[in-house]
Amino acid sequence: MPVARRGEIWLIDLGYAAKTRPSVALSVAFGDDDRAIVSFVPRTTSVRGTRFRVTHDARGFDPGAFEARGISGIPSVRPTRKLGTVEPATLAAVDTAVRLWLGLA
């Protein structure tokens, strides 16, 4: 079964209220003794500029942004379909926004 890897964009079912959204995987690979959890940040088409949103314009996607405040984790079996991979600069910007949101900056 495919596993979402860091920097990949997957379609993830975020539940009834949040819908199914493209999301970027942030976590590193888990080991055999670890829980099979993938941490991710969802993508939204609402591009209101805040310090916790990272703009993402890529071929095949509507204009949008990754929302650092939506960071979450799910079992590795839940991602639905791989949609692509973010460029390294965007992944670094999402990392920075998440650290800022969590007070780790």
C-alpha atoms as a PDB file:
ATOM      1  CA  MET A   1       0.000   0.000   0.000  1.00  0.00           C
ATOM      2  CA  PRO A   2       1.425   3.445  -0.900  1.00  0.00           C
ATOM      3  CA  VAL A   3       2.389   5.720   1.984  1.00  0.00           C
ATOM      4  CA  ALA A   4       2.342   9.522   1.857  1.00  0.00           C
ATOM      5  CA  ARG A   5       5.918  10.814   2.010  1.00  0.00           C
ATOM      6  CA  ARG A   6       7.156  14.207   3.150  1.00  0.00           C
ATOM      7  CA  GLY A   7       6.501  16.851   0.487  1.00  0.00           C
ATOM      8  CA  GLU A   8       3.881  14.852  -1.406  1.00  0.00           C
ATOM      9  CA  ILE A   9       0.384  16.228  -1.948  1.00  0.00           C
ATOM     10  CA  TRP A  10      -2.378  13.712  -1.274  1.00  0.00           C
ATOM     11  CA  LEU A  11      -6.148  13.932  -1.380  1.00  0.00           C
ATOM     12  CA  ILE A  12      -7.254  13.360   2.228  1.00  0.00           C
ATOM     13  CA  ASP A  13     -10.745  12.999   3.681  1.00  0.00           C
ATOM     14  CA  LEU A  14     -10.758  15.474   6.580  1.00  0.00           C
ATOM     15  CA  GLY A  15     -14.214  14.513   7.798  1.00  0.00           C
ATOM     16  CA  TYR A  16     -17.735  15.676   7.145  1.00  0.00           C
ATOM     17  CA  ALA A  17     -17.287  19.367   8.001  1.00  0.00           C
ATOM     18  CA  ALA A  18     -13.881  19.846   6.390  1.00  0.00           C
ATOM     19  CA  LYS A  19     -14.410  17.862   3.164  1.00  0.00           C
ATOM     20  CA  THR A  20     -11.815  16.032   1.138  1.00  0.00           C
ATOM     21  CA  ARG A  21      -8.856  18.308   0.448  1.00  0.00           C
ATOM     22  CA  PRO A  22      -5.421  18.189  -1.092  1.00  0.00           C
ATOM     23  CA  SER A  23      -2.885  18.180   1.752  1.00  0.00           C
ATOM     24  CA  VAL A  24       0.900  18.162   1.945  1.00  0.00           C
ATOM     25  CA  ALA A  25       2.590  15.476   4.057  1.00  0.00           C
ATOM     26  CA  LEU A  26       5.094  16.932   6.533  1.00  0.00           C
ATOM     27  CA  SER A  27       6.194  13.987   8.636  1.00  0.00           C
ATOM     28  CA  VAL A  28       9.273  11.883   8.071  1.00  0.00           C
ATOM     29  CA  ALA A  29       9.033   8.152   7.392  1.00  0.00           C
ATOM     30  CA  PHE A  30       7.928   6.091  10.377  1.00  0.00           C
ATOM     31  CA  GLY A  31       9.764   2.984  11.517  1.00  0.00           C
ATOM     32  CA  ASP A  32       8.520  -0.527  12.240  1.00  0.00           C
ATOM     33  CA  ASP A  33       8.087   0.257  15.960  1.00  0.00           C
ATOM     34  CA  ASP A  34       6.340   3.613  15.361  1.00  0.00           C
ATOM     35  CA  ARG A  35       2.634   4.244  14.941  1.00  0.00           C
ATOM     36  CA  ALA A  36       1.824   4.569  11.244  1.00  0.00           C
ATOM     37  CA  ILE A  37       0.756   8.231  11.390  1.00  0.00           C
ATOM     38  CA  VAL A  38       1.210  10.870   8.684  1.00  0.00           C
ATOM     39  CA  SER A  39       1.219  14.557   9.677  1.00  0.00           C
ATOM     40  CA  PHE A  40      -0.138  16.935   7.069  1.00  0.00           C
ATOM     41  CA  VAL A  41      -1.283  20.488   6.351  1.00  0.00           C
ATOM     42  CA  PRO A  42      -4.430  20.956   4.237  1.00  0.00           C
ATOM     43  CA  ARG A  43      -4.662  23.131   1.149  1.00  0.00           C
ATOM     44  CA  THR A  44      -7.437  25.682   0.702  1.00  0.00           C
ATOM     45  CA  THR A  45      -8.520  27.760  -2.271  1.00  0.00           C
ATOM     46  CA  SER A  46      -9.092  30.702   0.066  1.00  0.00           C
ATOM     47  CA  VAL A  47      -5.931  32.739  -0.361  1.00  0.00           C
ATOM     48  CA  ARG A  48      -6.495  35.457   2.246  1.00  0.00           C
ATOM     49  CA  GLY A  49      -3.016  36.462   3.228  1.00  0.00           C
ATOM     50  CA  THR A  50      -2.076  35.527   6.780  1.00  0.00           C
ATOM     51  CA  ARG A  51       1.279  34.587   8.199  1.00  0.00           C
ATOM     52  CA  PHE A  52       0.025  31.013   8.608  1.00  0.00           C
ATOM     53  CA  ARG A  53      -0.864  30.468   4.947  1.00  0.00           C
ATOM     54  CA  VAL A  54       1.646  29.580   2.256  1.00  0.00           C
ATOM     55  CA  THR A  55       0.572  30.418  -1.280  1.00  0.00           C
ATOM     56  CA  HIS A  56       0.676  27.473  -3.665  1.00  0.00           C
ATOM     57  CA  ASP A  57       0.187  27.970  -7.392  1.00  0.00           C
ATOM     58  CA  ALA A  58       0.963  24.861  -9.382  1.00  0.00           C
ATOM     59  CA  ARG A  59      -0.152  23.348 -12.644  1.00  0.00           C
ATOM     60  CA  GLY A  60      -3.207  21.168 -12.113  1.00  0.00           C
ATOM     61  CA  PHE A  61      -4.394  23.055  -9.018  1.00  0.00           C
ATOM     62  CA  ASP A  62      -6.667  26.048  -8.568  1.00  0.00           C
ATOM     63  CA  PRO A  63      -4.870  28.983  -6.914  1.00  0.00           C
ATOM     64  CA  GLY A  64      -4.651  28.263  -3.200  1.00  0.00           C
ATOM     65  CA  ALA A  65      -2.588  28.070  -0.051  1.00  0.00           C
ATOM     66  CA  PHE A  66      -1.480  25.568   2.576  1.00  0.00           C
ATOM     67  CA  GLU A  67      -3.050  26.402   5.961  1.00  0.00           C
ATOM     68  CA  ALA A  68      -0.502  25.802   8.755  1.00  0.00           C
ATOM     69  CA  ARG A  69      -3.181  26.121  11.449  1.00  0.00           C
ATOM     70  CA  GLY A  70      -4.808  22.977  10.048  1.00  0.00           C
ATOM     71  CA  ILE A  71      -1.867  20.701  10.903  1.00  0.00           C
ATOM     72  CA  SER A  72      -3.072  17.266  11.888  1.00  0.00           C
ATOM     73  CA  GLY A  73      -2.180  13.605  11.807  1.00  0.00           C
ATOM     74  CA  ILE A  74      -3.991  10.611  10.376  1.00  0.00           C
ATOM     75  CA  PRO A  75      -3.311   6.881  10.069  1.00  0.00           C
ATOM     76  CA  SER A  76      -1.171   6.214   7.014  1.00  0.00           C
ATOM     77  CA  VAL A  77      -3.965   4.157   5.427  1.00  0.00           C
ATOM     78  CA  ARG A  78      -6.306   7.173   5.057  1.00  0.00           C
ATOM     79  CA  PRO A  79      -4.724   9.263   2.272  1.00  0.00           C
ATOM     80  CA  THR A  80      -6.848   8.660  -0.818  1.00  0.00           C
ATOM     81  CA  ARG A  81      -4.770   9.525  -3.883  1.00  0.00           C
ATOM     82  CA  LYS A  82      -1.396  11.117  -4.609  1.00  0.00           C
ATOM     83  CA  LEU A  83      -1.768  14.376  -6.544  1.00  0.00           C
ATOM     84  CA  GLY A  84       1.831  15.521  -6.845  1.00  0.00           C
ATOM     85  CA  THR A  85       4.775  16.937  -4.938  1.00  0.00           C
ATOM     86  CA  VAL A  86       5.502  20.453  -3.711  1.00  0.00           C
ATOM     87  CA  GLU A  87       8.697  22.212  -4.658  1.00  0.00           C
ATOM     88  CA  PRO A  88      11.374  22.410  -1.898  1.00  0.00           C
ATOM     89  CA  ALA A  89      10.917  26.184  -1.388  1.00  0.00           C
ATOM     90  CA  THR A  90       7.172  25.739  -0.748  1.00  0.00           C
ATOM     91  CA  LEU A  91       7.806  22.857   1.672  1.00  0.00           C
ATOM     92  CA  ALA A  92      10.321  25.016   3.561  1.00  0.00           C
ATOM     93  CA  ALA A  93       7.793  27.866   3.738  1.00  0.00           C
ATOM     94  CA  VAL A  94       5.108  25.496   5.087  1.00  0.00           C
ATOM     95  CA  ASP A  95       7.599  24.229   7.709  1.00  0.00           C
ATOM     96  CA  THR A  96       8.262  27.840   8.756  1.00  0.00           C
ATOM     97  CA  ALA A  97       4.540  28.666   8.977  1.00  0.00           C
ATOM     98  CA  VAL A  98       3.859  25.556  11.100  1.00  0.00           C
ATOM     99  CA  ARG A  99       6.738  26.417  13.474  1.00  0.00           C
ATOM    100  CA  LEU A 100       5.356  29.952  13.769  1.00  0.00           C
ATOM    101  CA  TRP A 101       1.837  28.645  14.476  1.00  0.00           C
ATOM    102  CA  LEU A 102       3.144  26.255  17.167  1.00  0.00           C
ATOM    103  CA  GLY A 103       5.392  28.872  18.771  1.00  0.00           C
ATOM    104  CA  LEU A 104       8.566  27.038  17.746  1.00  0.00           C
ATOM    105  CA  ALA A 105      10.014  29.817  15.591  1.00  0.00           C
END
